[in-house]
Protein backbone atom coordinates (compact mmCIF):
# COMPACT_ATOMS: atom_id res chain seq x y z
CA MET A 1 107.02 131.54 187.60
CA SER A 2 110.21 132.26 189.59
CA LYS A 3 110.91 135.66 191.15
CA SER A 4 114.14 136.09 189.16
CA ILE A 5 112.40 135.47 185.84
CA LEU A 6 109.62 137.87 186.76
CA GLU A 7 112.16 140.49 187.71
CA ASN A 8 114.01 139.89 184.46
CA PHE A 9 110.79 140.47 182.52
CA ARG A 10 110.07 143.62 184.52
CA ARG A 11 113.50 144.95 183.66
CA ARG A 12 112.98 144.23 180.01
CA ASP A 13 109.41 145.61 180.02
CA LEU A 14 108.57 143.37 177.11
CA PHE A 15 104.97 144.48 176.85
CA ARG A 16 105.27 148.18 177.64
CA GLY A 17 105.24 150.73 174.84
CA ALA A 18 105.57 150.49 171.08
CA GLY A 19 109.34 150.57 171.05
CA THR A 20 110.19 147.88 173.56
CA ILE A 21 110.09 144.88 171.25
CA ALA A 22 112.23 146.62 168.66
CA ALA A 23 114.58 147.71 171.44
CA PHE A 24 115.28 144.22 172.77
CA ALA A 25 115.48 142.92 169.20
CA ALA A 26 118.12 145.52 168.43
CA SER A 27 120.07 144.56 171.54
CA ALA A 28 120.03 140.96 170.41
CA ALA A 29 121.34 142.04 167.02
CA SER A 30 124.42 143.54 168.63
CA ALA A 31 125.38 140.17 170.09
CA LYS A 32 127.85 138.01 168.20
CA PRO A 33 125.81 135.67 165.96
CA ALA A 34 126.19 131.92 166.17
CA VAL A 35 128.33 130.33 163.48
CA SER A 36 126.16 128.64 160.86
CA ALA A 37 126.40 127.46 157.29
CA PRO A 38 125.40 129.81 154.46
CA ALA A 39 121.64 129.79 153.91
CA SER A 40 121.81 127.97 150.59
CA ASP A 41 124.03 125.25 152.06
CA VAL A 42 121.50 124.52 154.81
CA TYR A 43 119.10 123.15 152.22
CA GLN A 44 121.50 121.93 149.56
CA SER A 45 123.28 119.77 152.13
CA ILE A 46 120.20 117.55 152.14
CA GLY A 47 119.59 117.79 148.40
CA VAL A 48 116.95 120.54 148.49
CA ARG A 49 117.24 123.46 146.05
CA PRO A 50 116.01 126.83 147.37
CA LEU A 51 113.71 129.04 145.29
CA ILE A 52 113.63 132.68 144.31
CA ASN A 53 110.01 133.53 145.04
CA CYS A 54 108.39 135.52 142.21
CA LYS A 55 105.00 133.97 142.96
CA GLY A 56 103.78 135.43 146.26
CA THR A 57 103.06 134.10 149.71
CA TYR A 58 101.99 130.45 149.61
CA THR A 59 102.52 127.88 152.34
CA ILE A 60 103.55 125.20 149.82
CA ILE A 61 106.63 127.30 148.98
CA SER A 62 107.23 128.16 152.67
CA GLY A 63 105.22 131.37 152.98
CA SER A 64 107.42 134.41 153.51
CA GLN A 65 110.79 135.29 154.96
CA SER A 66 110.40 136.61 158.50
CA LEU A 67 111.68 140.11 159.16
CA PRO A 68 115.17 140.50 160.67
CA GLU A 69 113.56 142.01 163.78
CA VAL A 70 111.36 138.91 164.09
CA LYS A 71 114.35 136.58 163.89
CA ARG A 72 116.12 138.56 166.60
CA ALA A 73 113.05 138.59 168.85
CA MET A 74 112.67 134.82 168.50
CA GLU A 75 116.34 134.32 169.34
CA GLU A 76 116.00 136.51 172.44
CA ALA A 77 112.77 134.81 173.52
CA SER A 78 114.45 131.40 173.28
CA ARG A 79 116.93 132.36 176.02
CA HIS A 80 114.37 132.51 178.87
CA TYR A 81 111.59 130.51 180.49
CA VAL A 82 108.19 132.09 180.93
CA ASP A 83 104.72 131.16 182.17
CA MET A 84 102.71 130.72 178.97
CA ASP A 85 99.44 132.06 180.38
CA GLU A 86 101.20 135.16 181.68
CA LEU A 87 102.92 135.53 178.33
CA MET A 88 99.69 135.39 176.33
CA GLU A 89 98.00 137.79 178.74
CA GLY A 90 100.75 140.33 178.12
CA VAL A 91 100.72 139.70 174.38
CA GLY A 92 96.92 140.01 174.27
CA LYS A 93 97.05 143.45 175.87
CA ARG A 94 99.77 144.61 173.51
CA LEU A 95 98.00 143.28 170.41
CA ALA A 96 94.90 145.17 171.49
CA GLN A 97 96.92 148.39 171.74
CA LEU A 98 98.59 147.86 168.37
CA THR A 99 95.57 146.74 166.32
CA GLY A 100 92.65 148.49 168.00
CA ALA A 101 90.94 145.13 168.50
CA GLU A 102 89.54 144.32 171.94
CA TRP A 103 92.00 141.45 172.37
CA GLY A 104 94.36 139.19 170.48
CA ILE A 105 96.20 135.90 170.79
CA VAL A 106 98.96 134.24 168.80
CA THR A 107 98.20 130.81 167.34
CA ALA A 108 100.10 128.15 165.39
CA GLY A 109 98.89 129.61 162.08
CA SER A 110 95.51 130.82 160.84
CA ALA A 111 94.13 127.27 160.49
CA ALA A 112 94.89 126.72 164.19
CA ALA A 113 93.05 129.97 164.94
CA MET A 114 90.03 128.55 163.11
CA THR A 115 90.15 125.33 165.14
CA HIS A 116 90.56 127.13 168.47
CA THR A 117 87.72 129.52 167.67
CA THR A 118 85.42 126.64 166.76
CA ALA A 119 86.30 124.87 170.02
CA ALA A 120 85.65 128.08 171.96
CA CYS A 121 82.28 128.56 170.27
CA LEU A 122 81.32 124.98 171.13
CA ALA A 123 82.66 124.69 174.68
CA GLY A 124 83.57 128.20 175.80
CA SER A 125 86.08 127.83 178.64
CA ASP A 126 84.00 125.17 180.39
CA PRO A 127 86.55 122.39 181.11
CA GLU A 128 83.84 119.73 181.23
CA LYS A 129 82.68 120.57 177.71
CA MET A 130 86.25 121.09 176.52
CA GLN A 131 87.16 117.56 177.52
CA ARG A 132 84.18 116.11 175.66
CA LEU A 133 85.18 117.56 172.27
CA PRO A 134 84.70 116.37 169.57
CA ASN A 135 81.72 114.58 171.14
CA LEU A 136 78.97 117.17 170.54
CA GLN A 137 76.00 115.28 171.96
CA GLY A 138 73.71 117.79 173.64
CA MET A 139 75.84 120.73 172.46
CA ARG A 140 75.59 123.18 169.61
CA SER A 141 76.88 121.40 166.55
CA GLU A 142 76.37 123.46 163.38
CA VAL A 143 78.47 126.09 161.58
CA VAL A 144 76.93 128.34 158.96
CA ILE A 145 79.12 129.10 155.93
CA PRO A 146 78.07 131.07 152.82
CA ALA A 147 78.56 128.87 149.76
CA TYR A 148 81.20 131.19 148.29
CA SER A 149 83.28 130.76 151.46
CA ARG A 150 83.54 126.95 151.37
CA ASN A 151 87.20 126.13 150.89
CA VAL A 152 89.89 123.55 151.54
CA TYR A 153 90.85 125.25 154.81
CA ASP A 154 87.48 124.76 156.50
CA HIS A 155 88.70 121.27 157.41
CA ALA A 156 90.14 123.10 160.43
CA ILE A 157 86.54 123.72 161.51
CA ARG A 158 85.07 120.35 160.49
CA MET A 159 87.66 118.48 162.56
CA LEU A 160 85.62 119.36 165.66
CA GLY A 161 82.81 117.15 164.33
CA VAL A 162 80.43 119.98 163.45
CA SER A 163 77.95 119.90 160.58
CA ILE A 164 78.37 122.58 157.92
CA VAL A 165 75.24 124.45 156.88
CA GLY A 166 75.97 125.98 153.49
CA VAL A 167 73.94 128.96 152.30
CA SER A 168 73.81 129.95 148.63
CA ASP A 169 70.50 131.84 148.62
CA PRO A 170 70.36 135.14 150.59
CA ALA A 171 66.67 134.52 151.19
CA LYS A 172 67.59 131.42 153.22
CA LEU A 173 70.28 133.06 155.35
CA GLU A 174 68.00 133.81 158.30
CA SER A 175 66.60 130.28 158.44
CA ALA A 176 70.13 128.77 158.42
CA PHE A 177 70.56 129.87 162.04
CA ASN A 178 68.88 128.09 164.92
CA GLU A 179 69.50 126.90 168.48
CA ARG A 180 72.07 124.37 167.19
CA THR A 181 74.26 126.98 165.48
CA ALA A 182 77.62 127.43 167.20
CA MET A 183 79.40 129.73 164.78
CA ALA A 184 79.42 131.32 161.34
CA TYR A 185 82.53 131.39 159.17
CA ILE A 186 83.48 133.61 156.23
CA LEU A 187 86.52 133.40 153.97
CA ALA A 188 87.64 136.98 153.33
CA GLY A 189 87.75 138.07 149.70
CA PRO A 190 85.28 138.41 146.83
CA GLY A 191 81.75 138.38 148.22
CA ASP A 192 82.56 140.14 151.50
CA GLU A 193 80.28 143.03 150.58
CA GLY A 194 77.64 140.98 148.79
CA PRO A 195 74.24 139.70 149.96
CA LEU A 196 75.95 136.85 151.85
CA GLY A 197 78.90 138.95 152.98
CA THR A 198 80.11 139.79 156.46
CA GLN A 199 77.55 142.44 157.34
CA ALA A 200 74.62 140.30 156.18
CA VAL A 201 75.87 137.20 158.00
CA THR A 202 76.67 139.04 161.23
CA ALA A 203 73.22 140.66 161.24
CA ALA A 204 71.58 137.23 161.02
CA ALA A 205 74.00 135.66 163.51
CA ARG A 206 73.49 138.42 166.07
CA ARG A 207 69.82 137.48 166.48
CA TRP A 208 70.93 134.08 167.74
CA ASN A 209 73.95 135.36 169.68
CA VAL A 210 76.23 133.40 167.33
CA PRO A 211 79.87 134.52 166.86
CA VAL A 212 81.22 135.16 163.35
CA LEU A 213 84.81 134.30 162.39
CA VAL A 214 86.45 135.83 159.31
CA ASP A 215 89.41 133.98 157.82
CA ALA A 216 91.73 136.67 156.42
CA ALA A 217 94.82 134.44 156.37
CA ALA A 218 96.72 135.88 153.40
CA GLU A 219 95.42 139.43 153.69
CA MET A 220 97.34 142.48 154.78
CA LEU A 221 96.54 143.56 158.34
CA THR A 222 94.16 146.54 158.37
CA ILE A 223 94.12 148.95 161.34
CA PRO A 224 91.40 149.65 162.37
CA ASN A 225 90.36 146.20 161.31
CA LEU A 226 88.11 146.11 158.28
CA HIS A 227 86.40 142.82 159.18
CA LEU A 228 85.74 143.72 162.80
CA GLN A 229 84.26 147.00 161.61
CA ARG A 230 81.87 145.03 159.41
CA GLY A 231 80.63 143.18 162.49
CA ALA A 232 82.79 140.06 162.72
CA THR A 233 83.44 138.73 166.23
CA LEU A 234 86.95 137.48 165.47
CA VAL A 235 89.33 137.64 162.51
CA ALA A 236 92.21 135.23 161.84
CA TYR A 237 95.47 136.00 160.03
CA SER A 238 98.45 133.96 158.97
CA GLY A 239 101.57 135.25 160.66
CA GLY A 240 103.94 133.89 158.04
CA LYS A 241 102.51 135.68 155.02
CA CYS A 242 102.35 139.42 154.40
CA ILE A 243 102.94 140.32 158.07
CA ARG A 244 106.26 138.43 157.75
CA GLY A 245 106.21 136.87 161.17
CA PRO A 246 107.12 133.26 161.95
CA GLN A 247 105.83 130.81 159.36
CA CYS A 248 104.21 128.65 162.06
CA ALA A 249 102.29 131.49 163.71
CA GLY A 250 98.99 133.27 163.27
CA LEU A 251 96.83 135.98 164.82
CA LEU A 252 93.33 135.89 166.25
CA LEU A 253 91.89 139.34 166.92
CA GLY A 254 88.56 140.59 168.25
CA ASP A 255 86.21 139.82 171.13
CA LYS A 256 88.19 139.46 174.35
CA SER A 257 86.22 136.70 176.07
CA LEU A 258 86.04 134.54 172.94
CA ALA A 259 89.73 135.05 172.12
CA GLN A 260 90.64 134.10 175.68
CA ALA A 261 88.40 131.02 175.42
CA ALA A 262 90.21 130.12 172.19
CA TRP A 263 93.50 130.33 174.10
CA ALA A 264 92.05 128.09 176.85
CA ASN A 265 91.21 125.50 174.18
CA SER A 266 94.78 125.50 172.85
CA ALA A 267 98.18 124.38 174.15
CA PRO A 268 99.59 124.41 176.77
CA HIS A 269 96.14 123.50 178.10
CA HIS A 270 94.92 119.93 177.84
CA ALA A 271 92.12 120.42 175.37
CA PHE A 272 91.26 119.63 171.77
CA GLY A 273 93.83 122.12 170.49
CA ARG A 274 96.74 120.77 172.52
CA SER A 275 98.43 119.45 169.36
CA LEU A 276 98.33 122.91 167.75
CA LYS A 277 101.06 124.28 169.97
CA VAL A 278 102.66 127.69 169.50
CA GLY A 279 105.94 128.29 171.34
CA LYS A 280 107.23 131.31 173.17
CA GLU A 281 109.59 132.04 170.28
CA GLU A 282 106.77 132.18 167.72
CA ILE A 283 104.59 134.21 170.10
CA MET A 284 107.22 136.89 170.61
CA GLY A 285 108.21 136.78 166.95
CA MET A 286 104.58 137.30 165.94
CA LEU A 287 104.13 140.19 168.34
CA THR A 288 107.28 141.77 166.93
CA ALA A 289 105.96 141.33 163.38
CA VAL A 290 102.79 143.23 164.32
CA GLU A 291 104.91 145.91 166.01
CA MET A 292 106.91 146.22 162.80
CA TRP A 293 103.76 146.25 160.66
CA THR A 294 102.76 149.48 162.37
CA LYS A 295 106.22 150.95 161.67
CA ARG A 296 107.03 149.64 158.19
CA ASP A 297 107.04 152.17 155.36
CA HIS A 298 104.43 150.46 153.21
CA LYS A 299 104.57 153.18 150.52
CA ARG A 300 108.32 152.71 150.20
CA GLU A 301 107.85 148.93 149.94
CA TRP A 302 105.31 149.43 147.15
CA ALA A 303 107.67 151.76 145.28
CA GLU A 304 110.44 149.18 145.64
CA TRP A 305 108.22 146.44 144.22
CA GLU A 306 107.37 148.61 141.23
CA SER A 307 111.06 149.43 140.68
CA TRP A 308 111.84 145.69 140.61
CA LEU A 309 109.09 145.06 138.06
CA ASN A 310 110.28 148.00 135.94
CA ARG A 311 113.82 146.60 135.94
CA ILE A 312 112.55 143.21 134.75
CA SER A 313 110.31 144.87 132.15
CA GLU A 314 113.13 146.98 130.73
CA LYS A 315 115.31 143.90 130.33
CA VAL A 316 112.84 141.47 128.76
CA THR A 317 111.30 143.98 126.33
CA THR A 318 114.63 144.16 124.51
CA VAL A 319 113.67 140.75 123.10
CA GLY A 320 111.65 141.01 119.91
CA SER A 321 107.83 140.80 120.25
CA VAL A 322 107.96 140.84 124.08
CA THR A 323 105.58 143.29 125.76
CA THR A 324 104.75 143.90 129.41
CA ARG A 325 102.06 145.46 131.56
CA ILE A 326 101.69 145.99 135.30
CA GLU A 327 98.38 145.02 136.87
CA GLN A 328 97.26 146.50 140.19
CA PRO A 329 95.78 144.17 142.85
CA ASP A 330 92.04 143.86 143.39
CA SER A 331 92.15 142.19 146.81
CA LEU A 332 93.94 142.43 150.15
CA SER A 333 95.59 139.02 149.67
CA ASN A 334 99.00 139.03 147.96
CA HIS A 335 98.43 142.77 147.78
CA ALA A 336 101.07 143.91 145.34
CA PRO A 337 101.37 144.89 141.67
CA THR A 338 101.96 142.06 139.17
CA LEU A 339 104.05 142.17 135.99
CA HIS A 340 102.62 140.30 133.01
CA ILE A 341 105.10 139.40 130.27
CA GLU A 342 103.67 138.42 126.86
CA TRP A 343 105.17 137.53 123.48
CA ASP A 344 104.44 136.25 120.00
CA GLY A 345 104.45 132.49 120.45
CA ALA A 346 104.93 131.77 116.77
CA ARG A 347 107.96 134.06 116.64
CA LEU A 348 109.72 132.86 119.78
CA GLY A 349 108.56 129.26 119.60
CA VAL A 350 107.99 128.83 123.31
CA THR A 351 105.00 128.84 125.67
CA GLY A 352 104.60 130.38 129.08
CA GLN A 353 104.50 126.94 130.71
CA GLU A 354 107.78 126.00 129.06
CA ILE A 355 109.46 129.20 130.28
CA ALA A 356 108.11 128.70 133.82
CA LYS A 357 109.25 125.05 133.88
CA HIS A 358 112.69 125.98 132.59
CA LEU A 359 113.21 128.62 135.29
CA LEU A 360 112.03 126.21 137.97
CA ASP A 361 114.19 123.32 136.76
CA THR A 362 117.45 125.24 136.24
CA ASP A 363 119.64 127.38 138.49
CA PRO A 364 119.22 129.87 140.07
CA ARG A 365 115.80 128.33 140.59
CA ILE A 366 112.84 130.73 140.15
CA ILE A 367 109.14 130.12 140.67
CA LEU A 368 106.98 132.57 138.72
CA GLY A 369 103.61 134.03 139.56
CA GLY A 370 101.89 132.09 136.81
CA SER A 371 101.97 131.06 133.16
CA ARG A 372 99.30 130.93 130.51
CA GLY A 373 99.51 130.66 126.74
CA ASN A 374 102.41 132.83 125.61
CA SER A 375 102.81 134.72 128.86
CA VAL A 376 104.20 134.55 132.38
CA SER A 377 103.77 136.78 135.42
CA VAL A 378 106.03 138.06 138.18
CA MET A 379 104.70 138.86 141.65
CA PRO A 380 107.21 140.89 143.75
CA TYR A 381 105.40 140.47 147.08
CA MET A 382 107.92 138.05 148.58
CA MET A 383 110.97 138.87 146.48
CA MET A 384 114.13 139.91 148.31
CA PRO A 385 116.49 142.73 147.27
CA GLY A 386 118.62 141.52 144.36
CA ASP A 387 116.08 138.94 143.20
CA ASP A 388 114.85 141.40 140.56
CA LYS A 389 118.22 141.43 138.76
CA ILE A 390 118.46 137.64 138.80
CA ALA A 391 114.87 137.29 137.55
CA ALA A 392 115.45 139.90 134.83
CA ASP A 393 118.59 138.16 133.57
CA ARG A 394 117.06 134.68 133.70
CA LEU A 395 113.84 135.70 131.94
CA TYR A 396 115.77 137.61 129.30
CA ALA A 397 118.04 134.63 128.61
CA ALA A 398 115.09 132.21 128.42
CA LEU A 399 113.17 134.45 126.01
CA LYS A 400 116.21 135.33 123.91
CA ASN A 401 117.19 131.67 123.52
CA PRO A 402 114.04 129.70 124.33
CA PRO A 403 114.50 126.25 125.88
CA LYS A 404 113.75 123.39 123.56
CA SER A 405 111.18 120.97 124.91
CA GLU A 406 111.88 117.34 124.22
CA LEU A 407 108.46 115.88 123.60
CA PRO A 408 108.09 112.12 123.81
CA PRO A 409 107.56 110.49 120.42
CA GLU A 410 103.95 109.99 119.44
CA PRO A 411 102.97 106.33 119.69
CA SER A 412 102.01 104.66 116.44
CA GLY A 413 99.32 102.17 115.74
CA ALA A 414 95.57 101.91 116.14
CA ALA A 415 94.03 103.21 119.37
CA ALA A 416 93.40 100.47 121.92
CA ASN A 417 89.77 99.71 122.63
CA VAL A 418 89.17 100.58 126.27
CA ALA A 419 85.42 101.17 126.19
CA GLY A 420 83.48 99.40 128.91
CA VAL A 421 83.51 98.91 132.66
CA TRP A 422 86.77 98.41 134.52
CA ASP A 423 87.61 97.33 138.06
CA VAL A 424 90.47 99.44 139.36
CA GLU A 425 92.94 98.93 142.20
CA VAL A 426 94.71 102.11 143.39
CA GLU A 427 97.89 101.59 145.43
CA TYR A 428 98.74 104.68 147.47
CA ARG A 429 102.04 105.19 149.25
CA ARG A 430 100.23 103.66 152.16
CA GLY A 431 96.94 101.88 151.74
CA SER A 432 94.87 100.94 148.72
CA ALA A 433 91.37 101.47 147.38
CA LYS A 434 89.04 99.84 144.90
CA HIS A 435 87.66 102.17 142.22
CA SER A 436 85.83 101.58 138.97
CA LEU A 437 85.68 103.20 135.53
CA SER A 438 82.87 103.41 133.01
CA LEU A 439 84.49 104.43 129.73
CA GLU A 440 82.96 105.47 126.41
CA GLN A 441 85.28 105.80 123.42
CA ALA A 442 84.84 107.71 120.16
CA GLY A 443 88.00 107.18 118.12
CA THR A 444 90.74 108.46 120.40
CA ALA A 445 88.48 110.49 122.71
CA LEU A 446 87.38 109.15 126.09
CA THR A 447 84.46 110.18 128.27
CA GLY A 448 82.83 108.44 131.18
CA THR A 449 82.66 108.21 134.95
CA HIS A 450 85.25 107.57 137.61
CA HIS A 451 83.88 105.99 140.79
CA GLY A 452 86.01 106.22 143.91
CA GLU A 453 85.16 104.49 147.16
CA TYR A 454 82.93 107.41 148.22
CA LEU A 455 82.82 109.89 145.33
CA SER A 456 82.05 109.85 141.63
CA GLY A 457 82.78 112.30 138.84
CA ASP A 458 82.83 112.68 135.09
CA LEU A 459 86.10 111.97 133.31
CA ARG A 460 87.64 113.01 130.01
CA GLY A 461 90.74 111.79 128.26
CA SER A 462 92.23 110.17 125.19
CA VAL A 463 93.88 107.07 123.76
CA ALA A 464 96.95 107.04 121.51
CA ALA A 465 97.88 103.52 120.43
CA ASP A 466 98.28 101.72 123.77
CA ARG A 467 98.70 104.88 125.84
CA VAL A 468 95.75 106.14 127.85
CA GLN A 469 95.24 109.29 129.87
CA PHE A 470 92.12 110.62 131.53
CA SER A 471 91.23 112.91 134.42
CA ALA A 472 88.38 113.26 136.89
CA VAL A 473 87.66 115.87 139.54
CA HIS A 474 85.55 115.04 142.61
CA ARG A 475 83.97 117.76 144.69
CA ILE A 476 83.96 117.13 148.44
CA GLU A 477 83.21 119.56 151.27
CA GLY A 478 85.14 122.75 150.51
CA THR A 479 87.60 121.35 147.99
CA GLU A 480 88.15 119.25 144.88
CA LEU A 481 90.14 116.05 144.51
CA LEU A 482 92.04 115.52 141.26
CA PHE A 483 92.70 112.07 139.77
CA ASN A 484 94.88 112.31 136.67
CA PHE A 485 95.39 108.79 135.29
CA SER A 486 98.03 107.86 132.74
CA GLY A 487 99.29 104.47 131.63
CA ARG A 488 99.13 101.72 129.03
CA ALA A 489 96.36 99.41 127.91
CA GLY A 490 96.61 95.91 126.54
CA GLY A 491 93.90 93.31 126.13
CA ASP A 492 91.76 93.23 129.24
CA GLY A 493 94.17 95.20 131.43
CA MET A 494 95.48 98.71 132.02
CA SER A 495 98.03 100.10 134.45
CA GLY A 496 100.05 103.21 135.19
CA THR A 497 100.28 106.13 137.59
CA VAL A 498 97.68 108.52 138.91
CA ALA A 499 98.70 112.06 139.86
CA LEU A 500 96.82 113.31 142.92
CA GLY A 501 97.77 116.98 142.92
CA GLU A 502 99.11 118.04 146.32
CA TYR A 503 98.71 114.47 147.61
CA GLY A 504 101.45 113.03 145.42
CA GLU A 505 101.19 110.04 143.14
CA ALA A 506 99.84 106.49 143.24
CA ARG A 507 99.93 103.37 141.08
CA TRP A 508 96.81 101.96 139.44
CA SER A 509 95.86 98.80 137.62
CA ALA A 510 92.56 97.87 136.01
CA LYS A 511 90.85 94.76 134.67
CA ARG A 512 87.74 94.60 132.54
CA HIS A 513 84.74 93.92 134.70
CA LYS A 514 83.41 90.40 134.36
CA TYR A 515 79.68 90.14 134.78
CA ALA A 516 78.28 87.19 136.69
């Protein structure tokens, strides 16, 4: 690191005192901003329609909007070069001061924090072991996870090649740990205080000197930290959710030596986590977000959320049969009140799903917190000032003059006979797979089994004339895979599309199985 850069950092005192980050962010704000297109034009210029977020903080809808102070800190950080190890050392000290944890690092999201922690638990900061990952021969290779904590995100742990030891019986918790156990993992939420919760798991892990990581990605940051107080070794947070830091950043807080080993296993170092790089801009933006978390008026924010919900409630309840209620949160994730809007479906002639689809399909585009039956919900957690008025007006208009759904005409004719065994070819956007179906038919109702290349699951569906639709769900590791088939049948063939949930859509074709 050059002398001039070091001197520049000394002058700025980036890591000294609670007010320094806000101070340099404020100085950046006084500078003349770069000329750029209006925010909506940035996306619409490439055919993408922005959303008003009345759902909460979810990565699939781009998380949260970073705080103005975070944006300014990232802009300022982008103007200088810095030694990344020196930077994280300074950030680690400051995060410790702010959060009360022994140490902290910034990662490229909470999933990256999970991967780096797993690597650190397997290899420590031993470069020889680090370079061998994910080859675990002769090394610890198991991770204990309570059954209630298995989830789609634990792929970030499994990618190191470890074996997952699931525990569903508290009586078997002790025996789940052995000399091969590298780590225990817990997804924060319901169950944290149960017989397989954090305190129980950490007590068992401590006997084997095994670290415990808690994944609190979407939770609000607690100071002093709730999970560390319960005995966890490290806790991971998403930076781009309630803390409102950069979307591609996360926090790892807790034990100093393990957090520093996690940093050693990540970029810029040449280790397993090299691809999970976090830049200086995200690092300083994340530190600023934590600084601001300690200064934000959380009571005022809560009162503002409730005022937004009250505005929406007052507007929509002027429509006949519409009632509302505000529900208080029962977890630390998406921790905000929620407005539930309900109505007489027979009177208004519209369902919650139809209202939600209408608001998402038309402009200004709004994504709601949820829809069920004759109701929808509004979550103010990630709404911006002014969104409440737009949401109130749009919901009122949709309930006052409900959108008319154009249902496809019902097919006529006798239901096709699709009972039997079928050989299926699935054509993905890239690649293909051979599946099979075993279908039983009772009138128009279908039951049976869907066999993938590796997984099998029960299916249910129906036949209307030549139209078929059926769905199967396959459980694998910490998640479920959805296959929602629809198409047409004729003679000894069927074809159509299969919806794959978050993985998009594929084409499928099937032929009746011919026995030798």
